C-alpha atoms as a PDB file:
ATOM      1  CA  UNK A   1      86.927-172.766-116.223  1.00  0.00           C
ATOM      2  CA  UNK A   2      89.165-175.151-115.271  1.00  0.00           C
ATOM      3  CA  UNK A   3      92.549-176.594-117.667  1.00  0.00           C
ATOM      4  CA  UNK A   4      94.086-179.674-116.722  1.00  0.00           C
ATOM      5  CA  UNK A   5      96.567-180.342-119.418  1.00  0.00           C
ATOM      6  CA  UNK A   6      96.843-184.040-119.865  1.00  0.00           C
ATOM      7  CA  UNK A   7      93.738-184.722-117.118  1.00  0.00           C
ATOM      8  CA  UNK A   8      90.913-184.594-119.172  1.00  0.00           C
ATOM      9  CA  UNK A   9      88.959-186.409-116.193  1.00  0.00           C
ATOM     10  CA  UNK A  10      90.576-184.175-113.383  1.00  0.00           C
ATOM     11  CA  UNK A  11      89.316-181.120-115.221  1.00  0.00           C
ATOM     12  CA  UNK A  12      86.142-182.662-116.330  1.00  0.00           C
ATOM     13  CA  UNK A  13      85.573-183.454-112.684  1.00  0.00           C
ATOM     14  CA  UNK A  14      86.628-180.005-111.053  1.00  0.00           C
ATOM     15  CA  UNK A  15      84.532-177.880-114.061  1.00  0.00           C
ATOM     16  CA  UNK A  16      81.301-179.758-112.846  1.00  0.00           C
ATOM     17  CA  UNK A  17      81.657-179.480-109.007  1.00  0.00           C
ATOM     18  CA  UNK A  18      82.046-175.738-109.631  1.00  0.00           C
ATOM     19  CA  UNK A  19      78.943-175.858-112.657  1.00  0.00           C
ATOM     20  CA  UNK A  20      76.911-177.782-110.189  1.00  0.00           C
ATOM     21  CA  UNK A  21      78.536-174.669-106.989  1.00  0.00           C
ATOM     22  CA  UNK A  22      76.977-171.940-108.867  1.00  0.00           C
ATOM     23  CA  UNK A  23      73.697-173.614-109.809  1.00  0.00           C
ATOM     24  CA  UNK A  24      72.826-174.401-106.104  1.00  0.00           C
ATOM     25  CA  UNK A  25      74.422-171.774-104.110  1.00  0.00           C
ATOM     26  CA  UNK A  26      73.503-169.084-106.901  1.00  0.00           C
ATOM     27  CA  UNK A  27      70.947-169.402-109.234  1.00  0.00           C
ATOM     28  CA  UNK A  28      68.557-171.867-107.500  1.00  0.00           C
ATOM     29  CA  UNK A  29      68.819-169.774-104.111  1.00  0.00           C
ATOM     30  CA  UNK A  30      68.415-166.593-105.909  1.00  0.00           C
ATOM     31  CA  UNK A  31      65.044-168.140-107.153  1.00  0.00           C
ATOM     32  CA  UNK A  32      64.103-169.802-104.278  1.00  0.00           C
ATOM     33  CA  UNK A  33      64.663-167.610-101.752  1.00  0.00           C
ATOM     34  CA  UNK A  34      65.507-164.195-103.504  1.00  0.00           C
ATOM     35  CA  UNK A  35      62.703-163.321-106.182  1.00  0.00           C
ATOM     36  CA  UNK A  36      59.991-164.752-103.328  1.00  0.00           C
ATOM     37  CA  UNK A  37      60.812-162.527-101.030  1.00  0.00           C
ATOM     38  CA  UNK A  38      61.225-159.500-103.883  1.00  0.00           C
ATOM     39  CA  UNK A  39      57.637-160.318-104.776  1.00  0.00           C
ATOM     40  CA  UNK A  40      55.687-160.508-101.330  1.00  0.00           C
ATOM     41  CA  UNK A  41      57.846-156.789-100.769  1.00  0.00           C
ATOM     42  CA  UNK A  42      56.459-156.353-104.757  1.00  0.00           C
ATOM     43  CA  UNK A  43      52.993-156.877-103.232  1.00  0.00           C
ATOM     44  CA  UNK A  44      53.531-155.046-100.153  1.00  0.00           C
ATOM     45  CA  UNK A  45      54.311-151.659-101.915  1.00  0.00           C
ATOM     46  CA  UNK A  46      58.007-151.542-101.340  1.00  0.00           C
ATOM     47  CA  UNK A  47      61.232-153.171-102.847  1.00  0.00           C
ATOM     48  CA  UNK A  48      63.846-154.538-101.534  1.00  0.00           C
ATOM     49  CA  UNK A  49      67.567-154.069-102.926  1.00  0.00           C
ATOM     50  CA  UNK A  50      68.737-157.944-103.537  1.00  0.00           C
ATOM     51  CA  UNK A  51      71.160-159.625-104.838  1.00  0.00           C
ATOM     52  CA  UNK A  52      73.594-162.394-104.502  1.00  0.00           C
ATOM     53  CA  UNK A  53      77.226-162.452-106.285  1.00  0.00           C
ATOM     54  CA  UNK A  54      79.695-165.295-105.542  1.00  0.00           C
ATOM     55  CA  UNK A  55      83.708-164.321-105.836  1.00  0.00           C
ATOM     56  CA  UNK A  56      86.110-167.473-106.753  1.00  0.00           C
ATOM     57  CA  UNK A  57      89.747-166.071-106.309  1.00  0.00           C
ATOM     58  CA  UNK A  58      92.179-168.894-106.764  1.00  0.00           C
ATOM     59  CA  UNK A  59      94.705-169.124-103.675  1.00  0.00           C
ATOM     60  CA  UNK A  60      96.928-172.510-105.093  1.00  0.00           C
ATOM     61  CA  UNK A  61      97.113-174.436-108.441  1.00  0.00           C
ATOM     62  CA  UNK A  62      99.515-176.282-108.747  1.00  0.00           C
ATOM     63  CA  UNK A  63     100.218-180.160-109.418  1.00  0.00           C
ATOM     64  CA  UNK A  64      99.154-181.236-106.470  1.00  0.00           C
ATOM     65  CA  UNK A  65      96.130-179.394-105.365  1.00  0.00           C
ATOM     66  CA  UNK A  66      93.759-176.669-106.608  1.00  0.00           C
ATOM     67  CA  UNK A  67      92.461-174.631-104.398  1.00  0.00           C
ATOM     68  CA  UNK A  68      89.522-171.589-104.488  1.00  0.00           C
ATOM     69  CA  UNK A  69      88.316-169.059-101.959  1.00  0.00           C
ATOM     70  CA  UNK A  70      85.018-168.318-102.268  1.00  0.00           C
ATOM     71  CA  UNK A  71      82.658-165.736-100.964  1.00  0.00           C
ATOM     72  CA  UNK A  72      79.288-165.596-101.453  1.00  0.00           C
ATOM     73  CA  UNK A  73      77.896-162.507-100.889  1.00  0.00           C
ATOM     74  CA  UNK A  74      74.293-161.943-100.231  1.00  0.00           C
ATOM     75  CA  UNK A  75      72.262-158.857 -99.645  1.00  0.00           C
ATOM     76  CA  UNK A  76      68.453-160.601 -98.461  1.00  0.00           C
ATOM     77  CA  UNK A  77      66.981-157.075 -97.521  1.00  0.00           C
ATOM     78  CA  UNK A  78      67.355-156.758 -94.183  1.00  0.00           C
ATOM     79  CA  UNK A  79      70.872-158.050 -94.037  1.00  0.00           C
ATOM     80  CA  UNK A  80      73.617-158.518 -95.753  1.00  0.00           C
ATOM     81  CA  UNK A  81      76.346-161.272 -95.309  1.00  0.00           C
ATOM     82  CA  UNK A  82      79.923-162.851 -96.938  1.00  0.00           C
ATOM     83  CA  UNK A  83      78.948-166.385 -96.692  1.00  0.00           C
ATOM     84  CA  UNK A  84      82.983-167.504 -97.187  1.00  0.00           C
ATOM     85  CA  UNK A  85      84.361-171.082 -97.820  1.00  0.00           C
ATOM     86  CA  UNK A  86      86.966-172.932-100.018  1.00  0.00           C
ATOM     87  CA  UNK A  87      86.781-175.520-102.692  1.00  0.00           C
ATOM     88  CA  UNK A  88      89.700-178.196-102.865  1.00  0.00           C
ATOM     89  CA  UNK A  89      90.992-180.570-105.508  1.00  0.00           C
ATOM     90  CA  UNK A  90      93.565-183.522-105.495  1.00  0.00           C
ATOM     91  CA  UNK A  91      94.823-181.924-109.332  1.00  0.00           C
ATOM     92  CA  UNK A  92      95.385-185.674-110.441  1.00  0.00           C
ATOM     93  CA  UNK A  93      92.247-187.291-109.752  1.00  0.00           C
ATOM     94  CA  UNK A  94      89.867-183.936-109.699  1.00  0.00           C
ATOM     95  CA  UNK A  95      88.637-185.327-106.097  1.00  0.00           C
ATOM     96  CA  UNK A  96      87.400-182.730-103.119  1.00  0.00           C
ATOM     97  CA  UNK A  97      90.356-182.512-100.982  1.00  0.00           C
ATOM     98  CA  UNK A  98      88.961-183.836 -97.707  1.00  0.00           C
ATOM     99  CA  UNK A  99      91.317-183.721 -93.932  1.00  0.00           C
ATOM    100  CA  UNK A 100      91.933-187.772 -94.045  1.00  0.00           C
ATOM    101  CA  UNK A 101      93.350-187.301 -97.507  1.00  0.00           C
ATOM    102  CA  UNK A 102      95.518-184.763 -96.062  1.00  0.00           C
ATOM    103  CA  UNK A 103      96.822-186.862 -92.910  1.00  0.00           C
ATOM    104  CA  UNK A 104      95.642-189.597 -90.137  1.00  0.00           C
ATOM    105  CA  UNK A 105      95.570-186.852 -87.582  1.00  0.00           C
ATOM    106  CA  UNK A 106      95.008-183.848 -89.761  1.00  0.00           C
ATOM    107  CA  UNK A 107      91.515-182.921 -88.478  1.00  0.00           C
ATOM    108  CA  UNK A 108      92.824-183.307 -84.465  1.00  0.00           C
ATOM    109  CA  UNK A 109      96.235-181.030 -85.149  1.00  0.00           C
ATOM    110  CA  UNK A 110      94.544-178.511 -87.487  1.00  0.00           C
ATOM    111  CA  UNK A 111      91.170-178.621 -84.505  1.00  0.00           C
ATOM    112  CA  UNK A 112      94.459-177.511 -81.819  1.00  0.00           C
ATOM    113  CA  UNK A 113      96.571-174.821 -84.349  1.00  0.00           C
ATOM    114  CA  UNK A 114      93.290-173.289 -84.988  1.00  0.00           C
ATOM    115  CA  UNK A 115      92.678-173.076 -80.436  1.00  0.00           C
ATOM    116  CA  UNK A 116      95.833-172.041 -80.687  1.00  0.00           C
ATOM    117  CA  UNK A 117      95.224-169.036 -82.658  1.00  0.00           C
ATOM    118  CA  UNK A 118      92.251-167.979 -82.304  1.00  0.00           C
ATOM    119  CA  UNK A 119      92.905-167.616 -77.642  1.00  0.00           C
ATOM    120  CA  UNK A 120      95.506-164.581 -79.405  1.00  0.00           C
ATOM    121  CA  UNK A 121      92.057-162.851 -79.973  1.00  0.00           C
ATOM    122  CA  UNK A 122      89.923-164.361 -77.309  1.00  0.00           C
ATOM    123  CA  UNK A 123      88.672-160.054 -76.100  1.00  0.00           C
ATOM    124  CA  UNK A 124      88.222-160.100 -79.677  1.00  0.00           C
ATOM    125  CA  UNK A 125      85.811-163.243 -79.788  1.00  0.00           C
ATOM    126  CA  UNK A 126      82.590-164.614 -78.000  1.00  0.00           C
ATOM    127  CA  UNK A 127      83.094-165.609 -74.176  1.00  0.00           C
ATOM    128  CA  UNK A 128      81.716-168.942 -75.463  1.00  0.00           C
ATOM    129  CA  UNK A 129      84.112-168.675 -78.947  1.00  0.00           C
ATOM    130  CA  UNK A 130      85.669-172.222 -77.634  1.00  0.00           C
ATOM    131  CA  UNK A 131      82.516-173.900 -77.727  1.00  0.00           C
ATOM    132  CA  UNK A 132      82.661-173.028 -81.720  1.00  0.00           C
ATOM    133  CA  UNK A 133      85.666-173.704 -82.592  1.00  0.00           C
ATOM    134  CA  UNK A 134      84.997-177.051 -84.199  1.00  0.00           C
ATOM    135  CA  UNK A 135      82.588-174.800 -86.962  1.00  0.00           C
ATOM    136  CA  UNK A 136      85.840-173.292 -88.199  1.00  0.00           C
ATOM    137  CA  UNK A 137      88.110-176.769 -88.985  1.00  0.00           C
ATOM    138  CA  UNK A 138      85.457-178.107 -91.454  1.00  0.00           C
ATOM    139  CA  UNK A 139      85.976-180.299 -94.887  1.00  0.00           C
ATOM    140  CA  UNK A 140      82.434-180.728 -95.716  1.00  0.00           C
ATOM    141  CA  UNK A 141      82.255-184.386 -94.795  1.00  0.00           C
ATOM    142  CA  UNK A 142      80.124-183.653 -91.955  1.00  0.00           C
ATOM    143  CA  UNK A 143      76.603-184.261 -90.452  1.00  0.00           C
ATOM    144  CA  UNK A 144      74.995-180.339 -91.559  1.00  0.00           C
ATOM    145  CA  UNK A 145      72.605-181.562 -88.798  1.00  0.00           C
ATOM    146  CA  UNK A 146      74.324-182.418 -85.982  1.00  0.00           C
ATOM    147  CA  UNK A 147      76.831-179.661 -86.859  1.00  0.00           C
ATOM    148  CA  UNK A 148      74.022-177.147 -86.740  1.00  0.00           C
ATOM    149  CA  UNK A 149      71.054-178.532 -85.615  1.00  0.00           C
ATOM    150  CA  UNK A 150      69.083-177.961 -88.826  1.00  0.00           C
ATOM    151  CA  UNK A 151      69.682-180.676 -92.201  1.00  0.00           C
ATOM    152  CA  UNK A 152      72.055-178.428 -94.219  1.00  0.00           C
ATOM    153  CA  UNK A 153      74.938-178.954 -96.213  1.00  0.00           C
ATOM    154  CA  UNK A 154      79.085-178.172 -94.655  1.00  0.00           C
ATOM    155  CA  UNK A 155      81.073-176.584 -96.931  1.00  0.00           C
ATOM    156  CA  UNK A 156      84.528-175.959 -96.329  1.00  0.00           C
ATOM    157  CA  UNK A 157      86.465-173.797 -94.135  1.00  0.00           C
ATOM    158  CA  UNK A 158      89.915-174.183 -95.361  1.00  0.00           C
ATOM    159  CA  UNK A 159      92.116-173.205 -98.101  1.00  0.00           C
ATOM    160  CA  UNK A 160      95.271-173.770 -99.211  1.00  0.00           C
ATOM    161  CA  UNK A 161      98.406-171.514-100.145  1.00  0.00           C
ATOM    162  CA  UNK A 162     101.834-171.933-100.954  1.00  0.00           C
ATOM    163  CA  UNK A 163     103.116-171.088 -97.438  1.00  0.00           C
ATOM    164  CA  UNK A 164     100.141-171.917 -95.172  1.00  0.00           C
ATOM    165  CA  UNK A 165      96.678-174.261 -95.193  1.00  0.00           C
ATOM    166  CA  UNK A 166      93.638-171.384 -93.991  1.00  0.00           C
ATOM    167  CA  UNK A 167      90.764-171.773 -91.574  1.00  0.00           C
ATOM    168  CA  UNK A 168      88.019-169.442 -91.768  1.00  0.00           C
ATOM    169  CA  UNK A 169      85.669-168.449 -89.057  1.00  0.00           C
ATOM    170  CA  UNK A 170      82.763-167.700 -90.906  1.00  0.00           C
ATOM    171  CA  UNK A 171      80.547-164.128 -89.119  1.00  0.00           C
ATOM    172  CA  UNK A 172      79.118-164.593 -86.001  1.00  0.00           C
ATOM    173  CA  UNK A 173      80.381-168.694 -85.466  1.00  0.00           C
ATOM    174  CA  UNK A 174      83.948-166.493 -82.877  1.00  0.00           C
ATOM    175  CA  UNK A 175      82.727-163.537 -83.204  1.00  0.00           C
ATOM    176  CA  UNK A 176      80.201-160.645 -83.695  1.00  0.00           C
ATOM    177  CA  UNK A 177      79.455-159.987 -87.791  1.00  0.00           C
ATOM    178  CA  UNK A 178      80.939-156.416 -87.221  1.00  0.00           C
ATOM    179  CA  UNK A 179      84.079-158.033 -86.995  1.00  0.00           C
ATOM    180  CA  UNK A 180      83.866-159.936 -90.142  1.00  0.00           C
ATOM    181  CA  UNK A 181      85.580-162.935 -91.055  1.00  0.00           C
ATOM    182  CA  UNK A 182      88.582-164.330 -88.997  1.00  0.00           C
ATOM    183  CA  UNK A 183      90.505-166.504 -90.725  1.00  0.00           C
ATOM    184  CA  UNK A 184      94.081-168.259 -89.426  1.00  0.00           C
ATOM    185  CA  UNK A 185      97.261-169.251 -91.104  1.00  0.00           C
ATOM    186  CA  UNK A 186      99.028-171.891 -90.022  1.00  0.00           C
ATOM    187  CA  UNK A 187     102.709-172.703 -92.094  1.00  0.00           C
ATOM    188  CA  UNK A 188     102.201-176.345 -93.186  1.00  0.00           C
ATOM    189  CA  UNK A 189     104.984-176.806 -91.146  1.00  0.00           C
ATOM    190  CA  UNK A 190     103.422-176.690 -87.616  1.00  0.00           C
ATOM    191  CA  UNK A 191     101.512-179.532 -88.655  1.00  0.00           C
ATOM    192  CA  UNK A 192     104.120-182.015 -88.751  1.00  0.00           C
ATOM    193  CA  UNK A 193     103.668-185.962 -88.707  1.00  0.00           C
ATOM    194  CA  UNK A 194     100.143-184.672 -89.222  1.00  0.00           C
ATOM    195  CA  UNK A 195     100.246-183.444 -92.613  1.00  0.00           C
ATOM    196  CA  UNK A 196     101.460-186.120 -95.174  1.00  0.00           C
ATOM    197  CA  UNK A 197     103.623-184.544 -98.101  1.00  0.00           C
END
């Protein structure tokens, strides 16, 4: 539940967006994906451990930004996955925070800074990891059919803390699933003039 004192419109906008996320990414997924899989397995005479869980962790809340890290934990019977993303809002308006709101040069600068950090882990990453760096710097405005070659929604891969903007490399993007999720925390000061205050 989101509460913003003396700003009901922003509070309602954020609350509505969070409720929509829970409906579409948890309830609808369970009904449309997990339930048919469970029914099919049952008809074939066996059961599968199927579940979906959405954890939301507050990373920053102040009069400028509300930033929430989301972990969508899915056990689909044959695989387990943690699909990590974030929800970032402007506290004053309730708008979803995009890179263009952060600055005209923000996306390019963020891409460069993430590439520099990823290079430090190069021996743990796929040989062609540089080809997938564009999937680590996402704000949700990108075209899913271009990015993933299938029409699917794009979820933000960044969240804000008091000290950093953190970018998320989900499983199988730059690294193997065994390596888990990688995060690249970048101090606000490193963005220089690319980040509007």
